[in-house]
C-alpha atoms as a PDB file:
ATOM      1  CA  UNK A   1     -82.403  43.067  12.707  1.00  0.00           C
ATOM      2  CA  UNK A   2     -82.110  39.772  10.898  1.00  0.00           C
ATOM      3  CA  UNK A   3     -79.755  41.389   8.406  1.00  0.00           C
ATOM      4  CA  UNK A   4     -77.351  42.271  11.171  1.00  0.00           C
ATOM      5  CA  UNK A   5     -77.556  38.812  12.458  1.00  0.00           C
ATOM      6  CA  UNK A   6     -76.875  37.353   9.013  1.00  0.00           C
ATOM      7  CA  UNK A   7     -73.917  39.448   8.554  1.00  0.00           C
ATOM      8  CA  UNK A   8     -72.504  38.573  11.878  1.00  0.00           C
ATOM      9  CA  UNK A   9     -72.881  34.956  11.120  1.00  0.00           C
ATOM     10  CA  UNK A  10     -71.319  35.342   7.738  1.00  0.00           C
ATOM     11  CA  UNK A  11     -68.334  37.073   9.207  1.00  0.00           C
ATOM     12  CA  UNK A  12     -67.916  34.388  11.992  1.00  0.00           C
ATOM     13  CA  UNK A  13     -68.042  31.680   9.214  1.00  0.00           C
ATOM     14  CA  UNK A  14     -65.350  33.417   7.156  1.00  0.00           C
ATOM     15  CA  UNK A  15     -63.029  33.589  10.278  1.00  0.00           C
ATOM     16  CA  UNK A  16     -63.632  29.932  11.091  1.00  0.00           C
ATOM     17  CA  UNK A  17     -62.878  29.085   7.437  1.00  0.00           C
ATOM     18  CA  UNK A  18     -59.692  31.015   7.540  1.00  0.00           C
ATOM     19  CA  UNK A  19     -58.494  29.393  10.688  1.00  0.00           C
ATOM     20  CA  UNK A  20     -59.175  25.867   9.289  1.00  0.00           C
ATOM     21  CA  UNK A  21     -57.227  26.673   6.005  1.00  0.00           C
ATOM     22  CA  UNK A  22     -54.285  28.053   7.923  1.00  0.00           C
ATOM     23  CA  UNK A  23     -54.268  25.201  10.397  1.00  0.00           C
ATOM     24  CA  UNK A  24     -54.624  22.556   7.692  1.00  0.00           C
ATOM     25  CA  UNK A  25     -51.952  24.203   5.457  1.00  0.00           C
ATOM     26  CA  UNK A  26     -49.512  24.037   8.308  1.00  0.00           C
ATOM     27  CA  UNK A  27     -50.175  20.496   9.104  1.00  0.00           C
ATOM     28  CA  UNK A  28     -49.604  19.252   5.578  1.00  0.00           C
ATOM     29  CA  UNK A  29     -46.622  21.296   4.557  1.00  0.00           C
ATOM     30  CA  UNK A  30     -44.329  20.997   7.528  1.00  0.00           C
ATOM     31  CA  UNK A  31     -43.235  17.280   7.032  1.00  0.00           C
ATOM     32  CA  UNK A  32     -42.779  17.787   3.381  1.00  0.00           C
ATOM     33  CA  UNK A  33     -40.649  20.841   3.953  1.00  0.00           C
ATOM     34  CA  UNK A  34     -38.644  19.047   6.628  1.00  0.00           C
ATOM     35  CA  UNK A  35     -37.783  16.040   4.522  1.00  0.00           C
ATOM     36  CA  UNK A  36     -35.913  17.961   1.891  1.00  0.00           C
ATOM     37  CA  UNK A  37     -34.052  19.882   4.475  1.00  0.00           C
ATOM     38  CA  UNK A  38     -32.956  16.808   6.236  1.00  0.00           C
ATOM     39  CA  UNK A  39     -32.016  15.250   2.917  1.00  0.00           C
ATOM     40  CA  UNK A  40     -30.116  18.327   1.921  1.00  0.00           C
ATOM     41  CA  UNK A  41     -28.288  18.372   5.119  1.00  0.00           C
ATOM     42  CA  UNK A  42     -27.146  14.757   4.789  1.00  0.00           C
ATOM     43  CA  UNK A  43     -26.120  15.318   1.357  1.00  0.00           C
ATOM     44  CA  UNK A  44     -24.104  18.321   2.247  1.00  0.00           C
ATOM     45  CA  UNK A  45     -22.412  16.423   5.016  1.00  0.00           C
ATOM     46  CA  UNK A  46     -21.689  13.510   2.827  1.00  0.00           C
ATOM     47  CA  UNK A  47     -19.982  15.794   0.312  1.00  0.00           C
ATOM     48  CA  UNK A  48     -18.117  17.900   2.878  1.00  0.00           C
ATOM     49  CA  UNK A  49     -14.291  17.361   2.992  1.00  0.00           C
ATOM     50  CA  UNK A  50     -14.510  17.448   6.786  1.00  0.00           C
ATOM     51  CA  UNK A  51     -16.669  14.395   6.727  1.00  0.00           C
ATOM     52  CA  UNK A  52     -13.908  12.255   5.213  1.00  0.00           C
ATOM     53  CA  UNK A  53     -12.200  10.971   8.243  1.00  0.00           C
ATOM     54  CA  UNK A  54      -8.611   9.559   8.198  1.00  0.00           C
ATOM     55  CA  UNK A  55      -8.445   5.897   7.366  1.00  0.00           C
ATOM     56  CA  UNK A  56      -8.492   3.741  10.467  1.00  0.00           C
ATOM     57  CA  UNK A  57      -5.036   2.008  10.953  1.00  0.00           C
ATOM     58  CA  UNK A  58      -5.198  -1.686  10.045  1.00  0.00           C
ATOM     59  CA  UNK A  59      -4.908  -4.207  12.890  1.00  0.00           C
ATOM     60  CA  UNK A  60      -1.273  -4.761  13.583  1.00  0.00           C
ATOM     61  CA  UNK A  61      -0.179  -1.958  11.303  1.00  0.00           C
ATOM     62  CA  UNK A  62       3.500  -1.269  11.538  1.00  0.00           C
ATOM     63  CA  UNK A  63       5.094   2.216  11.447  1.00  0.00           C
ATOM     64  CA  UNK A  64       8.187   4.141  12.102  1.00  0.00           C
ATOM     65  CA  UNK A  65      11.349   2.290  13.088  1.00  0.00           C
ATOM     66  CA  UNK A  66       9.556  -1.096  12.977  1.00  0.00           C
ATOM     67  CA  UNK A  67       8.489  -0.469   9.433  1.00  0.00           C
ATOM     68  CA  UNK A  68      11.941   0.582   8.411  1.00  0.00           C
ATOM     69  CA  UNK A  69      13.317  -2.855   9.556  1.00  0.00           C
ATOM     70  CA  UNK A  70      10.365  -4.902   8.226  1.00  0.00           C
ATOM     71  CA  UNK A  71      11.330  -7.726   5.778  1.00  0.00           C
ATOM     72  CA  UNK A  72       9.114  -7.886   2.693  1.00  0.00           C
ATOM     73  CA  UNK A  73       8.934 -11.099   0.489  1.00  0.00           C
ATOM     74  CA  UNK A  74       8.615 -10.040  -3.090  1.00  0.00           C
ATOM     75  CA  UNK A  75       7.076 -12.984  -5.040  1.00  0.00           C
ATOM     76  CA  UNK A  76       8.012 -13.375  -8.688  1.00  0.00           C
ATOM     77  CA  UNK A  77       5.655 -14.881 -11.073  1.00  0.00           C
ATOM     78  CA  UNK A  78       5.765 -15.051 -14.907  1.00  0.00           C
ATOM     79  CA  UNK A  79       2.914 -16.972 -16.888  1.00  0.00           C
ATOM     80  CA  UNK A  80      -0.154 -17.625 -14.796  1.00  0.00           C
ATOM     81  CA  UNK A  81      -1.402 -20.654 -16.929  1.00  0.00           C
ATOM     82  CA  UNK A  82      -0.771 -24.274 -17.132  1.00  0.00           C
ATOM     83  CA  UNK A  83       2.287 -25.054 -19.036  1.00  0.00           C
ATOM     84  CA  UNK A  84       1.736 -26.778 -22.469  1.00  0.00           C
ATOM     85  CA  UNK A  85       3.512 -30.006 -22.992  1.00  0.00           C
ATOM     86  CA  UNK A  86       7.174 -29.605 -24.084  1.00  0.00           C
ATOM     87  CA  UNK A  87       7.119 -25.749 -23.567  1.00  0.00           C
ATOM     88  CA  UNK A  88      10.690 -24.310 -22.803  1.00  0.00           C
ATOM     89  CA  UNK A  89      11.031 -23.154 -19.044  1.00  0.00           C
ATOM     90  CA  UNK A  90       7.964 -24.855 -17.996  1.00  0.00           C
ATOM     91  CA  UNK A  91       8.867 -23.942 -14.360  1.00  0.00           C
ATOM     92  CA  UNK A  92       7.980 -20.383 -15.220  1.00  0.00           C
ATOM     93  CA  UNK A  93       4.267 -21.426 -15.783  1.00  0.00           C
ATOM     94  CA  UNK A  94       2.064 -21.433 -12.684  1.00  0.00           C
ATOM     95  CA  UNK A  95      -1.485 -22.943 -13.238  1.00  0.00           C
ATOM     96  CA  UNK A  96      -4.152 -20.408 -12.664  1.00  0.00           C
ATOM     97  CA  UNK A  97      -5.874 -22.548 -10.118  1.00  0.00           C
ATOM     98  CA  UNK A  98      -2.606 -23.060  -8.145  1.00  0.00           C
ATOM     99  CA  UNK A  99      -1.965 -19.333  -8.186  1.00  0.00           C
ATOM    100  CA  UNK A 100      -5.431 -18.720  -6.766  1.00  0.00           C
ATOM    101  CA  UNK A 101      -4.821 -21.319  -4.097  1.00  0.00           C
ATOM    102  CA  UNK A 102      -1.491 -19.672  -3.212  1.00  0.00           C
ATOM    103  CA  UNK A 103      -3.083 -16.338  -2.843  1.00  0.00           C
ATOM    104  CA  UNK A 104      -5.906 -17.441  -0.726  1.00  0.00           C
ATOM    105  CA  UNK A 105      -3.404 -19.338   1.417  1.00  0.00           C
ATOM    106  CA  UNK A 106      -1.384 -16.185   1.946  1.00  0.00           C
ATOM    107  CA  UNK A 107      -4.523 -14.338   2.981  1.00  0.00           C
ATOM    108  CA  UNK A 108      -5.528 -17.087   5.363  1.00  0.00           C
ATOM    109  CA  UNK A 109      -2.053 -16.822   6.862  1.00  0.00           C
ATOM    110  CA  UNK A 110      -2.527 -13.029   7.480  1.00  0.00           C
ATOM    111  CA  UNK A 111      -0.384 -11.804   4.681  1.00  0.00           C
ATOM    112  CA  UNK A 112      -1.492  -8.580   2.892  1.00  0.00           C
ATOM    113  CA  UNK A 113      -0.222  -7.640  -0.588  1.00  0.00           C
ATOM    114  CA  UNK A 114       1.304  -4.214  -1.075  1.00  0.00           C
ATOM    115  CA  UNK A 115       3.243  -2.458  -3.816  1.00  0.00           C
ATOM    116  CA  UNK A 116       6.919  -2.078  -4.074  1.00  0.00           C
ATOM    117  CA  UNK A 117       6.413   1.664  -3.515  1.00  0.00           C
ATOM    118  CA  UNK A 118       4.772   0.968  -0.206  1.00  0.00           C
ATOM    119  CA  UNK A 119       7.598  -1.154   0.793  1.00  0.00           C
ATOM    120  CA  UNK A 120      10.092   1.589  -0.275  1.00  0.00           C
ATOM    121  CA  UNK A 121       8.100   4.146   1.641  1.00  0.00           C
ATOM    122  CA  UNK A 122       8.252   2.074   4.783  1.00  0.00           C
ATOM    123  CA  UNK A 123      11.981   1.433   4.409  1.00  0.00           C
ATOM    124  CA  UNK A 124      12.743   4.999   3.795  1.00  0.00           C
ATOM    125  CA  UNK A 125      10.205   6.928   5.728  1.00  0.00           C
ATOM    126  CA  UNK A 126       8.753   4.629   8.360  1.00  0.00           C
ATOM    127  CA  UNK A 127       5.624   3.133   6.914  1.00  0.00           C
ATOM    128  CA  UNK A 128       3.056   2.209   7.346  1.00  0.00           C
ATOM    129  CA  UNK A 129       2.944  -1.454   6.561  1.00  0.00           C
ATOM    130  CA  UNK A 130       0.667  -4.401   7.313  1.00  0.00           C
ATOM    131  CA  UNK A 131       2.065  -6.838   9.955  1.00  0.00           C
ATOM    132  CA  UNK A 132       2.676  -9.403   7.200  1.00  0.00           C
ATOM    133  CA  UNK A 133       3.369  -7.595   3.849  1.00  0.00           C
ATOM    134  CA  UNK A 134       3.978  -9.378   0.507  1.00  0.00           C
ATOM    135  CA  UNK A 135       4.578  -7.907  -2.904  1.00  0.00           C
ATOM    136  CA  UNK A 136       3.166  -9.968  -5.754  1.00  0.00           C
ATOM    137  CA  UNK A 137       5.086  -9.171  -8.823  1.00  0.00           C
ATOM    138  CA  UNK A 138       4.758 -10.371 -12.366  1.00  0.00           C
ATOM    139  CA  UNK A 139       7.551 -10.151 -15.101  1.00  0.00           C
ATOM    140  CA  UNK A 140       7.312  -9.370 -18.782  1.00  0.00           C
ATOM    141  CA  UNK A 141       3.620  -8.603 -19.523  1.00  0.00           C
ATOM    142  CA  UNK A 142       1.858 -11.826 -20.257  1.00  0.00           C
ATOM    143  CA  UNK A 143      -1.921 -11.669 -21.204  1.00  0.00           C
ATOM    144  CA  UNK A 144      -2.511 -14.146 -18.321  1.00  0.00           C
ATOM    145  CA  UNK A 145      -1.551 -11.426 -15.896  1.00  0.00           C
ATOM    146  CA  UNK A 146      -4.759  -9.643 -16.875  1.00  0.00           C
ATOM    147  CA  UNK A 147      -7.005 -12.681 -17.598  1.00  0.00           C
ATOM    148  CA  UNK A 148      -5.958 -14.952 -14.656  1.00  0.00           C
ATOM    149  CA  UNK A 149      -4.157 -13.083 -12.031  1.00  0.00           C
ATOM    150  CA  UNK A 150      -6.034  -9.827 -11.892  1.00  0.00           C
ATOM    151  CA  UNK A 151      -9.417 -11.344 -11.117  1.00  0.00           C
ATOM    152  CA  UNK A 152      -7.951 -13.353  -8.151  1.00  0.00           C
ATOM    153  CA  UNK A 153      -6.201 -10.395  -6.605  1.00  0.00           C
ATOM    154  CA  UNK A 154      -9.227  -8.213  -7.275  1.00  0.00           C
ATOM    155  CA  UNK A 155     -11.255 -10.585  -5.230  1.00  0.00           C
ATOM    156  CA  UNK A 156      -8.843 -10.208  -2.245  1.00  0.00           C
ATOM    157  CA  UNK A 157      -8.568  -6.403  -2.610  1.00  0.00           C
ATOM    158  CA  UNK A 158      -5.001  -6.871  -3.410  1.00  0.00           C
ATOM    159  CA  UNK A 159      -2.568  -4.980  -5.826  1.00  0.00           C
ATOM    160  CA  UNK A 160      -0.142  -6.618  -8.219  1.00  0.00           C
ATOM    161  CA  UNK A 161       3.211  -5.275  -9.442  1.00  0.00           C
ATOM    162  CA  UNK A 162       3.714  -5.464 -13.178  1.00  0.00           C
ATOM    163  CA  UNK A 163       7.277  -5.470 -14.504  1.00  0.00           C
ATOM    164  CA  UNK A 164       6.592  -4.633 -18.149  1.00  0.00           C
ATOM    165  CA  UNK A 165       8.772  -5.445 -21.033  1.00  0.00           C
ATOM    166  CA  UNK A 166       7.702  -2.819 -23.571  1.00  0.00           C
ATOM    167  CA  UNK A 167       8.368  -4.626 -26.782  1.00  0.00           C
ATOM    168  CA  UNK A 168       5.744  -7.293 -26.013  1.00  0.00           C
ATOM    169  CA  UNK A 169       3.106  -4.654 -25.482  1.00  0.00           C
ATOM    170  CA  UNK A 170       0.135  -5.574 -27.803  1.00  0.00           C
ATOM    171  CA  UNK A 171       2.233  -8.371 -29.453  1.00  0.00           C
ATOM    172  CA  UNK A 172       0.145 -11.328 -28.004  1.00  0.00           C
ATOM    173  CA  UNK A 173       0.841  -9.827 -24.532  1.00  0.00           C
ATOM    174  CA  UNK A 174      -1.081  -7.197 -22.611  1.00  0.00           C
ATOM    175  CA  UNK A 175      -2.660  -4.335 -24.334  1.00  0.00           C
ATOM    176  CA  UNK A 176      -2.455  -0.722 -23.326  1.00  0.00           C
ATOM    177  CA  UNK A 177      -6.123  -0.714 -22.472  1.00  0.00           C
ATOM    178  CA  UNK A 178      -5.773  -3.829 -20.326  1.00  0.00           C
ATOM    179  CA  UNK A 179      -2.698  -2.356 -18.378  1.00  0.00           C
ATOM    180  CA  UNK A 180      -4.663   0.845 -17.679  1.00  0.00           C
ATOM    181  CA  UNK A 181      -7.458  -1.210 -16.236  1.00  0.00           C
ATOM    182  CA  UNK A 182      -4.900  -2.879 -14.100  1.00  0.00           C
ATOM    183  CA  UNK A 183      -3.580   0.348 -12.928  1.00  0.00           C
ATOM    184  CA  UNK A 184      -7.161   1.462 -12.056  1.00  0.00           C
ATOM    185  CA  UNK A 185      -7.441  -1.552  -9.986  1.00  0.00           C
ATOM    186  CA  UNK A 186      -4.520  -0.530  -7.849  1.00  0.00           C
ATOM    187  CA  UNK A 187      -1.716  -2.368  -9.741  1.00  0.00           C
ATOM    188  CA  UNK A 188       1.828  -0.669  -9.947  1.00  0.00           C
ATOM    189  CA  UNK A 189       3.531  -0.801 -13.297  1.00  0.00           C
ATOM    190  CA  UNK A 190       7.374  -0.750 -13.224  1.00  0.00           C
ATOM    191  CA  UNK A 191      10.064  -1.245 -15.902  1.00  0.00           C
ATOM    192  CA  UNK A 192      11.562  -4.450 -17.217  1.00  0.00           C
ATOM    193  CA  UNK A 193      13.403  -2.546 -20.040  1.00  0.00           C
ATOM    194  CA  UNK A 194      12.487  -2.125 -23.689  1.00  0.00           C
ATOM    195  CA  UNK A 195      13.744  -5.409 -25.139  1.00  0.00           C
ATOM    196  CA  UNK A 196      14.795  -7.683 -22.199  1.00  0.00           C
ATOM    197  CA  UNK A 197      18.464  -7.824 -22.829  1.00  0.00           C
ATOM    198  CA  UNK A 198      21.254  -9.017 -20.524  1.00  0.00           C
ATOM    199  CA  UNK A 199      22.104  -5.537 -19.241  1.00  0.00           C
ATOM    200  CA  UNK A 200      25.665  -6.490 -18.231  1.00  0.00           C
ATOM    201  CA  UNK A 201      26.530  -7.015 -21.935  1.00  0.00           C
ATOM    202  CA  UNK A 202      25.402  -3.704 -23.255  1.00  0.00           C
ATOM    203  CA  UNK A 203      27.576  -0.733 -24.344  1.00  0.00           C
ATOM    204  CA  UNK A 204      26.965   2.408 -22.244  1.00  0.00           C
ATOM    205  CA  UNK A 205      24.797   3.994 -24.874  1.00  0.00           C
ATOM    206  CA  UNK A 206      22.503   0.996 -25.244  1.00  0.00           C
ATOM    207  CA  UNK A 207      22.285   0.439 -21.464  1.00  0.00           C
ATOM    208  CA  UNK A 208      21.124   3.954 -20.993  1.00  0.00           C
ATOM    209  CA  UNK A 209      18.553   3.566 -23.706  1.00  0.00           C
ATOM    210  CA  UNK A 210      17.131   0.429 -22.138  1.00  0.00           C
ATOM    211  CA  UNK A 211      16.797   2.045 -18.783  1.00  0.00           C
ATOM    212  CA  UNK A 212      15.896   5.618 -19.528  1.00  0.00           C
ATOM    213  CA  UNK A 213      13.687   5.130 -22.534  1.00  0.00           C
ATOM    214  CA  UNK A 214      11.663   2.366 -20.851  1.00  0.00           C
ATOM    215  CA  UNK A 215      10.924   4.506 -17.927  1.00  0.00           C
ATOM    216  CA  UNK A 216      10.108   7.516 -19.939  1.00  0.00           C
ATOM    217  CA  UNK A 217       7.770   5.500 -22.198  1.00  0.00           C
ATOM    218  CA  UNK A 218       5.836   4.171 -19.109  1.00  0.00           C
ATOM    219  CA  UNK A 219       5.511   7.562 -17.647  1.00  0.00           C
ATOM    220  CA  UNK A 220       4.265   8.902 -20.973  1.00  0.00           C
ATOM    221  CA  UNK A 221       1.880   6.108 -21.900  1.00  0.00           C
ATOM    222  CA  UNK A 222       0.483   5.279 -18.462  1.00  0.00           C
ATOM    223  CA  UNK A 223       1.050   8.290 -16.334  1.00  0.00           C
ATOM    224  CA  UNK A 224       2.965   6.324 -13.635  1.00  0.00           C
ATOM    225  CA  UNK A 225       6.083   7.179 -11.824  1.00  0.00           C
ATOM    226  CA  UNK A 226       7.821   3.871 -12.943  1.00  0.00           C
ATOM    227  CA  UNK A 227      10.368   4.331 -10.052  1.00  0.00           C
ATOM    228  CA  UNK A 228      11.321   0.759  -9.969  1.00  0.00           C
ATOM    229  CA  UNK A 229      12.848  -1.785 -12.358  1.00  0.00           C
ATOM    230  CA  UNK A 230      13.296  -5.672 -12.558  1.00  0.00           C
ATOM    231  CA  UNK A 231      16.541  -6.514 -14.234  1.00  0.00           C
ATOM    232  CA  UNK A 232      15.883  -8.931 -17.160  1.00  0.00           C
ATOM    233  CA  UNK A 233      16.709 -12.394 -16.208  1.00  0.00           C
ATOM    234  CA  UNK A 234      18.085 -10.825 -13.018  1.00  0.00           C
ATOM    235  CA  UNK A 235      21.420  -9.862 -14.750  1.00  0.00           C
ATOM    236  CA  UNK A 236      23.194  -7.004 -13.035  1.00  0.00           C
ATOM    237  CA  UNK A 237      26.556  -5.752 -11.901  1.00  0.00           C
ATOM    238  CA  UNK A 238      27.972  -2.684 -10.323  1.00  0.00           C
ATOM    239  CA  UNK A 239      27.976  -0.778 -13.610  1.00  0.00           C
ATOM    240  CA  UNK A 240      24.326  -1.689 -14.229  1.00  0.00           C
ATOM    241  CA  UNK A 241      23.448  -0.504 -10.752  1.00  0.00           C
ATOM    242  CA  UNK A 242      25.113   2.736 -11.197  1.00  0.00           C
ATOM    243  CA  UNK A 243      23.355   3.271 -14.581  1.00  0.00           C
ATOM    244  CA  UNK A 244      20.082   2.410 -12.944  1.00  0.00           C
ATOM    245  CA  UNK A 245      20.486   4.996 -10.208  1.00  0.00           C
ATOM    246  CA  UNK A 246      21.488   7.615 -12.929  1.00  0.00           C
ATOM    247  CA  UNK A 247      18.295   6.805 -14.769  1.00  0.00           C
ATOM    248  CA  UNK A 248      16.195   7.971 -11.799  1.00  0.00           C
ATOM    249  CA  UNK A 249      15.067   4.608 -10.433  1.00  0.00           C
ATOM    250  CA  UNK A 250      14.687   4.337  -6.650  1.00  0.00           C
ATOM    251  CA  UNK A 251      15.216   0.642  -6.400  1.00  0.00           C
ATOM    252  CA  UNK A 252      15.563  -2.591  -8.498  1.00  0.00           C
ATOM    253  CA  UNK A 253      14.721  -6.267  -8.004  1.00  0.00           C
ATOM    254  CA  UNK A 254      16.606  -9.260  -9.112  1.00  0.00           C
ATOM    255  CA  UNK A 255      16.148 -13.038  -9.228  1.00  0.00           C
ATOM    256  CA  UNK A 256      18.499 -13.515  -6.211  1.00  0.00           C
ATOM    257  CA  UNK A 257      16.524 -15.819  -3.934  1.00  0.00           C
ATOM    258  CA  UNK A 258      15.393 -14.266  -0.606  1.00  0.00           C
ATOM    259  CA  UNK A 259      13.280 -11.853   1.344  1.00  0.00           C
ATOM    260  CA  UNK A 260      13.906  -8.162   0.655  1.00  0.00           C
ATOM    261  CA  UNK A 261      15.045  -5.761   3.386  1.00  0.00           C
ATOM    262  CA  UNK A 262      15.397  -2.139   3.357  1.00  0.00           C
ATOM    263  CA  UNK A 263      18.796  -2.263   5.023  1.00  0.00           C
ATOM    264  CA  UNK A 264      20.085  -4.202   2.028  1.00  0.00           C
ATOM    265  CA  UNK A 265      21.274  -2.793  -1.301  1.00  0.00           C
ATOM    266  CA  UNK A 266      17.992  -1.251  -2.822  1.00  0.00           C
ATOM    267  CA  UNK A 267      19.294  -1.902  -6.236  1.00  0.00           C
ATOM    268  CA  UNK A 268      19.777  -5.604  -5.680  1.00  0.00           C
ATOM    269  CA  UNK A 269      16.566  -6.416  -3.982  1.00  0.00           C
ATOM    270  CA  UNK A 270      15.947 -10.286  -3.532  1.00  0.00           C
ATOM    271  CA  UNK A 271      12.738 -11.986  -4.583  1.00  0.00           C
ATOM    272  CA  UNK A 272      11.020 -15.302  -4.019  1.00  0.00           C
ATOM    273  CA  UNK A 273      10.451 -17.182  -7.445  1.00  0.00           C
ATOM    274  CA  UNK A 274       7.281 -19.054  -7.429  1.00  0.00           C
ATOM    275  CA  UNK A 275       7.584 -22.142  -9.665  1.00  0.00           C
ATOM    276  CA  UNK A 276       5.131 -24.493 -11.364  1.00  0.00           C
ATOM    277  CA  UNK A 277       6.211 -27.186  -9.086  1.00  0.00           C
ATOM    278  CA  UNK A 278       5.108 -24.992  -5.905  1.00  0.00           C
ATOM    279  CA  UNK A 279       1.926 -25.278  -4.129  1.00  0.00           C
ATOM    280  CA  UNK A 280       0.140 -23.219  -1.575  1.00  0.00           C
ATOM    281  CA  UNK A 281       1.650 -25.355   1.218  1.00  0.00           C
ATOM    282  CA  UNK A 282       5.154 -25.236  -0.196  1.00  0.00           C
ATOM    283  CA  UNK A 283       5.092 -21.510  -0.775  1.00  0.00           C
ATOM    284  CA  UNK A 284       4.049 -20.798   2.785  1.00  0.00           C
ATOM    285  CA  UNK A 285       6.802 -23.071   4.079  1.00  0.00           C
ATOM    286  CA  UNK A 286       9.427 -21.369   1.897  1.00  0.00           C
ATOM    287  CA  UNK A 287       8.243 -17.843   3.128  1.00  0.00           C
ATOM    288  CA  UNK A 288       8.345 -19.054   6.836  1.00  0.00           C
ATOM    289  CA  UNK A 289      11.731 -20.431   6.508  1.00  0.00           C
ATOM    290  CA  UNK A 290      13.177 -17.373   4.882  1.00  0.00           C
ATOM    291  CA  UNK A 291      11.572 -14.906   7.463  1.00  0.00           C
ATOM    292  CA  UNK A 292      12.961 -14.048  10.806  1.00  0.00           C
ATOM    293  CA  UNK A 293      11.209 -15.455  13.960  1.00  0.00           C
END
């Protein structure tokens, strides 16, 4: 009799132990199993293309017909450093601190920097553009464009436009590595010819070489479209314009003073030259006086 009771008690204990093990196992494993599932779900959503929403339009963003009519000041800088005493063309040297003040003043006045490509797309195709666009362009390819201008624009989240004269590449000017870094930071790189000649004085073959070969070299070396060019010293005429179009460029900038507009000749776009004598205050005054309204 006692043997039967012993066996019954043993069986009952085994059942109770099994229930405890199963219950305990479920209680400890469920949260751990749920956490990786939730993490995996979140990770999957983050990587899913459908999770990448269309960028929200900027406040005051302009599109369509309004963008086609939008005037765009194209600032023209050269060296971003204080001019040494007695240096030729000292007005082309803008102190780095003054440059920084000018950029911050533009931002405070609600300007936003864009590339020339963005301006072109707005004029030809309807936008989009910020309400107060500005192109910040730099001629030639001075080292100070990388050391002094790039950090200022990067802090603002702005692109620059580099008009590169190819024969100064690595010759005390910018290096290939530095220019690639600028491109990675959102800069546009356009042509300023091979050797910076007065294009109006060249024979047809030399003119074609300066225009075609400089664009081809930029495309090959940096993988950029190089669809725009700044005429060296702003020298151009009807023949130069025709050759520039034939070389495949979409537009060209000059040193003619004023604000660029899409309704104007795209191969004679005006710019606003920023001089050593300018300040943030005078630059804003100049832009205000040259813009409509």
